[in-house]
Amino acid sequence: MHSFENNIIIFIGPDNSGKTTIAKKLAKELNITYFKNSLEQYSFRKNDFFALLEIGAPLTLSLIHQSKLKNNAIILDRFTPCEYAYSKTYNRTTNEKLIWEIDKDLYFLNGYIIYCYKDIYENFSDPLIKSSELGTIKYYYEEYLKQTVIPHLKLNTTDQNLENQINQIKQFLL
């Protein structure tokens, strides 16, 4: 069986696309560290993503560089590709140069991106995101994926078949 050591697996995608559910299940199955920045929602409410990007992302990378994680691997539930998509969608200030520098760093750290999306977002409910904005968010994620050097998997999560999704990810990571 393939060893998933030394991988950084980044889950990205619009809200309610299944990222967290899939990421947690994959982390458990592969026995690797799962991380979701708890300041994300705080930053959204305070409209302070710029600080999260400029301080939080380099700090997270520093932790990864210096840490002995389970199997030397980590799953990140959202990261700088999300800042790219959401800053474009909401026309807010960001640091694209830093986003692309981190992209290259993640590539050299054996990074992988899992882009979760749905064709249809039934019963979408989010107090911070309007369902009418999902198309624009998806557009900017796709734009990011065209430019990234990191290997990535586009994972359609519309059917909500968790076992199938986990198997697709494992095959991609082999």
N, C-alpha and C. Protein backbone atom coordinates (compact mmCIF):
# COMPACT_ATOMS: atom_id res chain seq x y z
N MET A 1 0.84 -1.20 0.00
CA MET A 1 0.00 0.00 0.00
C MET A 1 0.87 1.24 0.00
N HIS A 2 0.41 2.24 -0.68
CA HIS A 2 1.10 3.51 -0.78
C HIS A 2 1.21 4.18 0.59
N SER A 3 2.36 4.74 0.85
CA SER A 3 2.53 5.53 2.06
C SER A 3 2.16 6.98 1.74
N PHE A 4 1.36 7.57 2.58
CA PHE A 4 0.94 8.94 2.36
C PHE A 4 1.80 9.91 3.16
N GLU A 5 3.01 9.47 3.52
CA GLU A 5 3.91 10.32 4.28
C GLU A 5 4.34 11.53 3.44
N ASN A 6 4.66 12.58 4.15
CA ASN A 6 5.22 13.79 3.56
C ASN A 6 4.29 14.48 2.56
N ASN A 7 3.02 14.30 2.70
CA ASN A 7 2.06 14.98 1.83
C ASN A 7 1.39 16.12 2.58
N ILE A 8 1.13 17.20 1.86
CA ILE A 8 0.26 18.26 2.33
C ILE A 8 -0.94 18.22 1.40
N ILE A 9 -2.09 17.91 1.95
CA ILE A 9 -3.30 17.77 1.15
C ILE A 9 -4.22 18.92 1.53
N ILE A 10 -4.52 19.75 0.55
CA ILE A 10 -5.29 20.96 0.79
C ILE A 10 -6.67 20.79 0.18
N PHE A 11 -7.70 20.92 1.00
CA PHE A 11 -9.07 20.85 0.53
C PHE A 11 -9.58 22.26 0.30
N ILE A 12 -10.07 22.50 -0.91
CA ILE A 12 -10.62 23.81 -1.26
C ILE A 12 -11.97 23.61 -1.93
N GLY A 13 -12.71 24.69 -2.07
CA GLY A 13 -13.99 24.65 -2.77
C GLY A 13 -15.00 25.53 -2.10
N PRO A 14 -16.09 25.82 -2.79
CA PRO A 14 -17.14 26.67 -2.22
C PRO A 14 -17.71 26.07 -0.93
N ASP A 15 -18.32 26.93 -0.17
CA ASP A 15 -18.99 26.50 1.06
C ASP A 15 -20.03 25.43 0.73
N ASN A 16 -20.21 24.50 1.64
CA ASN A 16 -21.18 23.41 1.53
C ASN A 16 -20.88 22.42 0.40
N SER A 17 -19.60 22.31 0.04
CA SER A 17 -19.24 21.34 -1.00
C SER A 17 -18.72 20.03 -0.42
N GLY A 18 -18.67 19.92 0.90
CA GLY A 18 -18.28 18.67 1.54
C GLY A 18 -16.83 18.60 1.98
N LYS A 19 -16.09 19.69 1.86
CA LYS A 19 -14.67 19.69 2.19
C LYS A 19 -14.36 19.13 3.58
N THR A 20 -15.01 19.67 4.57
CA THR A 20 -14.69 19.31 5.95
C THR A 20 -15.02 17.85 6.23
N THR A 21 -16.18 17.40 5.80
CA THR A 21 -16.58 16.00 6.00
C THR A 21 -15.58 15.06 5.35
N ILE A 22 -15.23 15.33 4.12
CA ILE A 22 -14.31 14.46 3.38
C ILE A 22 -12.91 14.53 3.99
N ALA A 23 -12.45 15.73 4.29
CA ALA A 23 -11.10 15.91 4.84
C ALA A 23 -10.93 15.19 6.17
N LYS A 24 -11.91 15.30 7.05
CA LYS A 24 -11.83 14.63 8.35
C LYS A 24 -11.81 13.11 8.19
N LYS A 25 -12.66 12.60 7.31
CA LYS A 25 -12.70 11.15 7.08
C LYS A 25 -11.38 10.65 6.49
N LEU A 26 -10.84 11.39 5.53
CA LEU A 26 -9.57 11.00 4.92
C LEU A 26 -8.44 11.03 5.95
N ALA A 27 -8.41 12.05 6.79
CA ALA A 27 -7.38 12.15 7.83
C ALA A 27 -7.44 10.96 8.77
N LYS A 28 -8.65 10.57 9.12
CA LYS A 28 -8.81 9.43 10.02
C LYS A 28 -8.35 8.14 9.35
N GLU A 29 -8.77 7.95 8.10
CA GLU A 29 -8.40 6.71 7.40
C GLU A 29 -6.90 6.61 7.15
N LEU A 30 -6.26 7.74 6.88
CA LEU A 30 -4.82 7.73 6.57
C LEU A 30 -3.96 7.97 7.81
N ASN A 31 -4.61 8.22 8.94
CA ASN A 31 -3.91 8.51 10.19
C ASN A 31 -2.93 9.68 10.03
N ILE A 32 -3.45 10.78 9.51
CA ILE A 32 -2.64 11.98 9.38
C ILE A 32 -3.35 13.16 10.04
N THR A 33 -2.61 14.19 10.31
CA THR A 33 -3.10 15.37 11.01
C THR A 33 -4.09 16.14 10.13
N TYR A 34 -5.17 16.58 10.74
CA TYR A 34 -6.19 17.44 10.10
C TYR A 34 -6.11 18.80 10.76
N PHE A 35 -6.17 19.87 9.94
CA PHE A 35 -6.12 21.22 10.49
C PHE A 35 -7.08 22.14 9.73
N LYS A 36 -7.91 22.83 10.49
CA LYS A 36 -8.76 23.89 9.94
C LYS A 36 -8.56 25.10 10.83
N ASN A 37 -8.18 26.20 10.23
CA ASN A 37 -7.90 27.42 11.00
C ASN A 37 -9.19 27.95 11.61
N SER A 38 -9.25 27.96 12.92
CA SER A 38 -10.46 28.40 13.61
C SER A 38 -10.68 29.90 13.50
N LEU A 39 -9.68 30.64 13.04
CA LEU A 39 -9.83 32.09 12.88
C LEU A 39 -10.52 32.48 11.57
N GLU A 40 -10.76 31.51 10.71
CA GLU A 40 -11.38 31.80 9.42
C GLU A 40 -12.73 32.51 9.56
N GLN A 41 -13.62 31.96 10.35
CA GLN A 41 -14.93 32.58 10.52
C GLN A 41 -14.82 33.95 11.20
N TYR A 42 -13.93 34.05 12.16
CA TYR A 42 -13.69 35.34 12.82
C TYR A 42 -13.22 36.37 11.79
N SER A 43 -12.31 35.97 10.94
CA SER A 43 -11.78 36.88 9.92
C SER A 43 -12.88 37.31 8.95
N PHE A 44 -13.77 36.38 8.63
CA PHE A 44 -14.87 36.72 7.72
C PHE A 44 -15.75 37.80 8.33
N ARG A 45 -16.10 37.62 9.59
CA ARG A 45 -16.96 38.59 10.25
C ARG A 45 -16.28 39.95 10.40
N LYS A 46 -14.97 39.93 10.63
CA LYS A 46 -14.21 41.17 10.83
C LYS A 46 -13.66 41.72 9.51
N ASN A 47 -13.88 40.98 8.41
CA ASN A 47 -13.36 41.36 7.10
C ASN A 47 -11.84 41.59 7.18
N ASP A 48 -11.14 40.67 7.82
CA ASP A 48 -9.71 40.80 8.04
C ASP A 48 -8.95 39.59 7.49
N PHE A 49 -9.29 39.21 6.27
CA PHE A 49 -8.61 38.08 5.65
C PHE A 49 -7.17 38.42 5.28
N PHE A 50 -6.92 39.70 5.06
CA PHE A 50 -5.57 40.12 4.69
C PHE A 50 -4.58 39.74 5.78
N ALA A 51 -4.92 39.99 7.04
CA ALA A 51 -4.05 39.61 8.16
C ALA A 51 -3.93 38.10 8.25
N LEU A 52 -5.02 37.40 8.04
CA LEU A 52 -4.99 35.94 8.08
C LEU A 52 -4.04 35.39 7.01
N LEU A 53 -4.07 36.00 5.83
CA LEU A 53 -3.18 35.58 4.75
C LEU A 53 -1.73 35.92 5.07
N GLU A 54 -1.48 37.15 5.45
CA GLU A 54 -0.10 37.61 5.62
C GLU A 54 0.57 37.09 6.87
N ILE A 55 -0.19 36.76 7.89
CA ILE A 55 0.39 36.23 9.12
C ILE A 55 0.10 34.74 9.27
N GLY A 56 -1.16 34.38 9.10
CA GLY A 56 -1.58 33.00 9.34
C GLY A 56 -0.99 31.99 8.38
N ALA A 57 -0.99 32.29 7.08
CA ALA A 57 -0.49 31.33 6.10
C ALA A 57 1.01 31.07 6.27
N PRO A 58 1.85 32.11 6.38
CA PRO A 58 3.27 31.83 6.63
C PRO A 58 3.52 31.10 7.95
N LEU A 59 2.72 31.42 8.97
CA LEU A 59 2.86 30.73 10.26
C LEU A 59 2.52 29.25 10.11
N THR A 60 1.46 28.95 9.38
CA THR A 60 1.08 27.56 9.14
C THR A 60 2.19 26.82 8.39
N LEU A 61 2.76 27.46 7.36
CA LEU A 61 3.85 26.83 6.61
C LEU A 61 5.07 26.61 7.49
N SER A 62 5.36 27.58 8.34
CA SER A 62 6.48 27.43 9.27
C SER A 62 6.27 26.24 10.19
N LEU A 63 5.05 26.09 10.70
CA LEU A 63 4.72 24.95 11.54
C LEU A 63 4.94 23.65 10.78
N ILE A 64 4.49 23.60 9.54
CA ILE A 64 4.65 22.39 8.73
C ILE A 64 6.13 22.08 8.51
N HIS A 65 6.92 23.10 8.19
CA HIS A 65 8.35 22.91 7.97
C HIS A 65 9.05 22.36 9.21
N GLN A 66 8.62 22.80 10.39
CA GLN A 66 9.34 22.48 11.61
C GLN A 66 8.78 21.31 12.39
N SER A 67 7.58 20.87 12.07
CA SER A 67 6.89 19.89 12.91
C SER A 67 7.13 18.46 12.49
N LYS A 68 6.91 17.61 13.42
CA LYS A 68 6.84 16.17 13.16
C LYS A 68 5.37 15.80 13.27
N LEU A 69 4.67 15.88 12.16
CA LEU A 69 3.25 15.56 12.12
C LEU A 69 3.07 14.06 12.03
N LYS A 70 1.85 13.59 12.29
CA LYS A 70 1.56 12.16 12.12
C LYS A 70 1.93 11.78 10.69
N ASN A 71 2.81 10.82 10.54
CA ASN A 71 3.29 10.37 9.22
C ASN A 71 3.87 11.52 8.40
N ASN A 72 4.28 12.59 9.06
CA ASN A 72 4.83 13.76 8.38
C ASN A 72 3.89 14.29 7.30
N ALA A 73 2.60 14.23 7.56
CA ALA A 73 1.60 14.67 6.59
C ALA A 73 0.53 15.49 7.30
N ILE A 74 -0.17 16.29 6.52
CA ILE A 74 -1.23 17.12 7.09
C ILE A 74 -2.30 17.36 6.02
N ILE A 75 -3.53 17.45 6.49
CA ILE A 75 -4.64 17.86 5.64
C ILE A 75 -5.04 19.25 6.11
N LEU A 76 -5.03 20.20 5.19
CA LEU A 76 -5.46 21.57 5.47
C LEU A 76 -6.86 21.76 4.90
N ASP A 77 -7.79 22.09 5.75
CA ASP A 77 -9.16 22.36 5.34
C ASP A 77 -9.24 23.86 5.05
N ARG A 78 -9.11 24.21 3.81
CA ARG A 78 -9.00 25.57 3.29
C ARG A 78 -7.57 26.08 3.48
N PHE A 79 -7.13 26.90 2.52
CA PHE A 79 -5.83 27.56 2.63
C PHE A 79 -5.78 28.66 1.59
N THR A 80 -4.63 29.07 1.18
CA THR A 80 -4.48 30.25 0.33
C THR A 80 -5.25 30.20 -0.99
N PRO A 81 -5.47 29.04 -1.62
CA PRO A 81 -6.31 29.07 -2.82
C PRO A 81 -7.72 29.62 -2.53
N CYS A 82 -8.19 29.39 -1.32
CA CYS A 82 -9.51 29.91 -0.94
C CYS A 82 -9.48 31.43 -0.85
N GLU A 83 -8.40 31.96 -0.31
CA GLU A 83 -8.26 33.41 -0.25
C GLU A 83 -8.28 34.00 -1.65
N TYR A 84 -7.63 33.33 -2.60
CA TYR A 84 -7.63 33.79 -3.99
C TYR A 84 -9.07 33.88 -4.51
N ALA A 85 -9.83 32.79 -4.38
CA ALA A 85 -11.18 32.75 -4.93
C ALA A 85 -12.12 33.74 -4.24
N TYR A 86 -12.06 33.80 -2.93
CA TYR A 86 -13.00 34.67 -2.21
C TYR A 86 -12.62 36.15 -2.31
N SER A 87 -11.33 36.45 -2.36
CA SER A 87 -10.94 37.86 -2.51
C SER A 87 -11.36 38.38 -3.88
N LYS A 88 -11.27 37.54 -4.89
CA LYS A 88 -11.72 37.93 -6.24
C LYS A 88 -13.25 38.09 -6.25
N THR A 89 -13.95 37.15 -5.65
CA THR A 89 -15.41 37.20 -5.63
C THR A 89 -15.92 38.46 -4.96
N TYR A 90 -15.31 38.81 -3.83
CA TYR A 90 -15.79 39.95 -3.04
C TYR A 90 -14.99 41.23 -3.27
N ASN A 91 -14.07 41.17 -4.26
CA ASN A 91 -13.29 42.35 -4.65
C ASN A 91 -12.63 43.01 -3.43
N ARG A 92 -12.00 42.20 -2.61
CA ARG A 92 -11.36 42.73 -1.42
C ARG A 92 -9.83 42.69 -1.58
N THR A 93 -9.15 43.47 -0.81
CA THR A 93 -7.70 43.56 -0.85
C THR A 93 -7.08 42.23 -0.45
N THR A 94 -6.07 41.82 -1.19
CA THR A 94 -5.32 40.61 -0.86
C THR A 94 -3.89 40.80 -1.31
N ASN A 95 -3.09 39.76 -1.20
CA ASN A 95 -1.71 39.79 -1.62
C ASN A 95 -1.48 38.61 -2.55
N GLU A 96 -1.76 38.82 -3.85
CA GLU A 96 -1.63 37.73 -4.81
C GLU A 96 -0.20 37.24 -4.94
N LYS A 97 0.76 38.14 -4.82
CA LYS A 97 2.16 37.73 -4.89
C LYS A 97 2.45 36.69 -3.81
N LEU A 98 1.99 36.93 -2.60
CA LEU A 98 2.20 35.99 -1.50
C LEU A 98 1.46 34.68 -1.76
N ILE A 99 0.24 34.76 -2.28
CA ILE A 99 -0.52 33.55 -2.60
C ILE A 99 0.26 32.66 -3.55
N TRP A 100 0.86 33.24 -4.60
CA TRP A 100 1.60 32.44 -5.58
C TRP A 100 2.95 31.98 -5.04
N GLU A 101 3.55 32.74 -4.13
CA GLU A 101 4.79 32.28 -3.47
C GLU A 101 4.48 31.05 -2.61
N ILE A 102 3.37 31.11 -1.89
CA ILE A 102 2.97 29.97 -1.06
C ILE A 102 2.62 28.78 -1.93
N ASP A 103 2.01 29.03 -3.08
CA ASP A 103 1.69 27.96 -4.03
C ASP A 103 2.97 27.20 -4.41
N LYS A 104 4.01 27.93 -4.74
CA LYS A 104 5.28 27.27 -5.10
C LYS A 104 5.87 26.51 -3.91
N ASP A 105 5.80 27.11 -2.73
CA ASP A 105 6.31 26.45 -1.53
C ASP A 105 5.55 25.15 -1.27
N LEU A 106 4.23 25.18 -1.42
CA LEU A 106 3.43 23.98 -1.22
C LEU A 106 3.78 22.90 -2.24
N TYR A 107 4.07 23.30 -3.44
CA TYR A 107 4.49 22.34 -4.46
C TYR A 107 5.76 21.62 -4.01
N PHE A 108 6.74 22.37 -3.53
CA PHE A 108 8.01 21.78 -3.10
C PHE A 108 7.87 21.00 -1.79
N LEU A 109 6.79 21.23 -1.06
CA LEU A 109 6.50 20.46 0.15
C LEU A 109 5.64 19.23 -0.15
N ASN A 110 5.53 18.88 -1.43
CA ASN A 110 4.74 17.73 -1.86
C ASN A 110 3.25 17.95 -1.61
N GLY A 111 2.78 19.13 -1.99
CA GLY A 111 1.39 19.48 -1.82
C GLY A 111 0.48 18.91 -2.89
N TYR A 112 -0.75 18.69 -2.49
CA TYR A 112 -1.81 18.25 -3.40
C TYR A 112 -3.06 19.06 -3.06
N ILE A 113 -3.83 19.39 -4.08
CA ILE A 113 -5.09 20.11 -3.88
C ILE A 113 -6.24 19.20 -4.25
N ILE A 114 -7.23 19.16 -3.37
CA ILE A 114 -8.49 18.49 -3.66
C ILE A 114 -9.54 19.59 -3.75
N TYR A 115 -10.03 19.84 -4.96
CA TYR A 115 -11.04 20.88 -5.19
C TYR A 115 -12.42 20.23 -5.18
N CYS A 116 -13.18 20.48 -4.14
CA CYS A 116 -14.53 19.95 -4.00
C CYS A 116 -15.54 20.95 -4.54
N TYR A 117 -16.45 20.46 -5.33
CA TYR A 117 -17.50 21.32 -5.88
C TYR A 117 -18.74 20.48 -6.15
N LYS A 118 -19.85 21.16 -6.29
CA LYS A 118 -21.10 20.50 -6.65
C LYS A 118 -21.65 21.15 -7.91
N ASP A 119 -22.35 20.34 -8.69
CA ASP A 119 -23.05 20.89 -9.85
C ASP A 119 -24.25 21.70 -9.40
N ILE A 120 -24.91 21.19 -8.35
CA ILE A 120 -26.11 21.83 -7.81
C ILE A 120 -25.97 21.89 -6.30
N TYR A 121 -26.23 23.05 -5.72
CA TYR A 121 -26.19 23.21 -4.27
C TYR A 121 -27.62 23.30 -3.78
N GLU A 122 -28.21 22.12 -3.53
CA GLU A 122 -29.58 22.07 -3.04
C GLU A 122 -29.63 22.49 -1.57
N ASN A 123 -30.67 23.18 -1.22
CA ASN A 123 -30.87 23.61 0.17
C ASN A 123 -29.67 24.34 0.75
N PHE A 124 -29.02 25.16 -0.08
CA PHE A 124 -27.85 25.92 0.37
C PHE A 124 -28.28 26.91 1.44
N SER A 125 -27.59 26.86 2.54
CA SER A 125 -27.88 27.78 3.63
C SER A 125 -26.57 28.13 4.33
N ASP A 126 -26.21 29.38 4.25
CA ASP A 126 -25.00 29.86 4.90
C ASP A 126 -25.24 31.31 5.29
N PRO A 127 -25.03 31.65 6.54
CA PRO A 127 -25.31 33.03 6.96
C PRO A 127 -24.35 34.06 6.36
N LEU A 128 -23.22 33.60 5.84
CA LEU A 128 -22.21 34.54 5.34
C LEU A 128 -22.10 34.59 3.82
N ILE A 129 -22.58 33.56 3.13
CA ILE A 129 -22.45 33.46 1.68
C ILE A 129 -23.84 33.35 1.06
N LYS A 130 -24.07 34.10 0.00
CA LYS A 130 -25.34 34.00 -0.73
C LYS A 130 -25.21 32.91 -1.79
N SER A 131 -26.27 32.15 -1.99
CA SER A 131 -26.24 31.08 -2.99
C SER A 131 -25.98 31.65 -4.39
N SER A 132 -26.39 32.87 -4.65
CA SER A 132 -26.16 33.49 -5.95
C SER A 132 -24.68 33.78 -6.21
N GLU A 133 -23.84 33.72 -5.17
CA GLU A 133 -22.40 33.98 -5.32
C GLU A 133 -21.60 32.71 -5.62
N LEU A 134 -22.22 31.55 -5.50
CA LEU A 134 -21.49 30.29 -5.66
C LEU A 134 -20.89 30.12 -7.05
N GLY A 135 -21.58 30.55 -8.08
CA GLY A 135 -21.05 30.45 -9.44
C GLY A 135 -19.78 31.27 -9.61
N THR A 136 -19.76 32.44 -9.05
CA THR A 136 -18.56 33.30 -9.13
C THR A 136 -17.42 32.69 -8.33
N ILE A 137 -17.71 32.17 -7.16
CA ILE A 137 -16.69 31.52 -6.33
C ILE A 137 -16.09 30.34 -7.09
N LYS A 138 -16.94 29.50 -7.68
CA LYS A 138 -16.46 28.35 -8.46
C LYS A 138 -15.59 28.82 -9.63
N TYR A 139 -15.99 29.89 -10.30
CA TYR A 139 -15.22 30.43 -11.42
C TYR A 139 -13.80 30.77 -10.99
N TYR A 140 -13.65 31.44 -9.87
CA TYR A 140 -12.32 31.83 -9.41
C TYR A 140 -11.50 30.66 -8.89
N TYR A 141 -12.14 29.65 -8.34
CA TYR A 141 -11.39 28.44 -8.00
C TYR A 141 -10.83 27.80 -9.27
N GLU A 142 -11.66 27.71 -10.29
CA GLU A 142 -11.20 27.13 -11.57
C GLU A 142 -10.05 27.96 -12.15
N GLU A 143 -10.14 29.27 -12.03
CA GLU A 143 -9.06 30.16 -12.51
C GLU A 143 -7.77 29.86 -11.75
N TYR A 144 -7.88 29.69 -10.45
CA TYR A 144 -6.70 29.36 -9.64
C TYR A 144 -6.09 28.03 -10.11
N LEU A 145 -6.92 27.03 -10.30
CA LEU A 145 -6.43 25.71 -10.68
C LEU A 145 -5.72 25.73 -12.03
N LYS A 146 -6.10 26.63 -12.92
CA LYS A 146 -5.42 26.75 -14.22
C LYS A 146 -4.00 27.29 -14.06
N GLN A 147 -3.75 28.00 -12.95
CA GLN A 147 -2.46 28.65 -12.75
C GLN A 147 -1.53 27.95 -11.77
N THR A 148 -2.07 27.11 -10.90
CA THR A 148 -1.27 26.50 -9.87
C THR A 148 -0.28 25.47 -10.43
N VAL A 149 0.85 25.32 -9.74
CA VAL A 149 1.82 24.28 -10.09
C VAL A 149 1.58 23.02 -9.27
N ILE A 150 0.65 23.08 -8.33
CA ILE A 150 0.37 21.95 -7.44
C ILE A 150 -0.56 20.96 -8.14
N PRO A 151 -0.23 19.67 -8.09
CA PRO A 151 -1.15 18.67 -8.65
C PRO A 151 -2.50 18.77 -7.94
N HIS A 152 -3.58 18.64 -8.72
CA HIS A 152 -4.90 18.81 -8.11
C HIS A 152 -5.92 17.85 -8.71
N LEU A 153 -6.91 17.57 -7.89
CA LEU A 153 -8.03 16.72 -8.27
C LEU A 153 -9.30 17.54 -8.17
N LYS A 154 -10.08 17.54 -9.25
CA LYS A 154 -11.40 18.17 -9.22
C LYS A 154 -12.39 17.08 -8.83
N LEU A 155 -12.95 17.23 -7.64
CA LEU A 155 -13.81 16.20 -7.06
C LEU A 155 -15.25 16.69 -7.01
N ASN A 156 -16.08 16.14 -7.90
CA ASN A 156 -17.49 16.49 -7.92
C ASN A 156 -18.17 15.77 -6.76
N THR A 157 -18.70 16.55 -5.83
CA THR A 157 -19.29 15.98 -4.61
C THR A 157 -20.82 16.03 -4.63
N THR A 158 -21.40 16.26 -5.79
CA THR A 158 -22.85 16.40 -5.89
C THR A 158 -23.58 15.18 -5.35
N ASP A 159 -23.06 13.98 -5.65
CA ASP A 159 -23.76 12.75 -5.23
C ASP A 159 -23.60 12.43 -3.74
N GLN A 160 -22.72 13.12 -3.05
CA GLN A 160 -22.49 12.94 -1.61
C GLN A 160 -22.14 11.50 -1.24
N ASN A 161 -21.47 10.79 -2.14
CA ASN A 161 -21.03 9.42 -1.89
C ASN A 161 -19.64 9.46 -1.27
N LEU A 162 -19.58 9.51 0.04
CA LEU A 162 -18.33 9.71 0.76
C LEU A 162 -17.30 8.62 0.47
N GLU A 163 -17.70 7.38 0.47
CA GLU A 163 -16.75 6.29 0.22
C GLU A 163 -16.13 6.41 -1.18
N ASN A 164 -16.95 6.71 -2.16
CA ASN A 164 -16.46 6.89 -3.53
C ASN A 164 -15.49 8.07 -3.60
N GLN A 165 -15.81 9.14 -2.92
CA GLN A 165 -14.96 10.32 -2.94
C GLN A 165 -13.60 10.03 -2.29
N ILE A 166 -13.62 9.34 -1.17
CA ILE A 166 -12.37 8.95 -0.50
C ILE A 166 -11.53 8.07 -1.41
N ASN A 167 -12.16 7.13 -2.09
CA ASN A 167 -11.42 6.25 -3.01
C ASN A 167 -10.82 7.03 -4.18
N GLN A 168 -11.56 7.98 -4.72
CA GLN A 168 -11.03 8.82 -5.79
C GLN A 168 -9.79 9.59 -5.33
N ILE A 169 -9.85 10.11 -4.13
CA ILE A 169 -8.71 10.88 -3.58
C ILE A 169 -7.51 9.96 -3.40
N LYS A 170 -7.73 8.79 -2.83
CA LYS A 170 -6.62 7.86 -2.62
C LYS A 170 -5.96 7.47 -3.94
N GLN A 171 -6.77 7.21 -4.95
CA GLN A 171 -6.22 6.88 -6.27
C GLN A 171 -5.40 8.05 -6.82
N PHE A 172 -5.88 9.25 -6.64
CA PHE A 172 -5.17 10.44 -7.11
C PHE A 172 -3.83 10.60 -6.39
N LEU A 173 -3.80 10.31 -5.11
CA LEU A 173 -2.58 10.50 -4.32
C LEU A 173 -1.53 9.42 -4.54
N LEU A 174 -1.92 8.30 -5.16
CA LEU A 174 -0.96 7.20 -5.37
C LEU A 174 0.17 7.61 -6.27
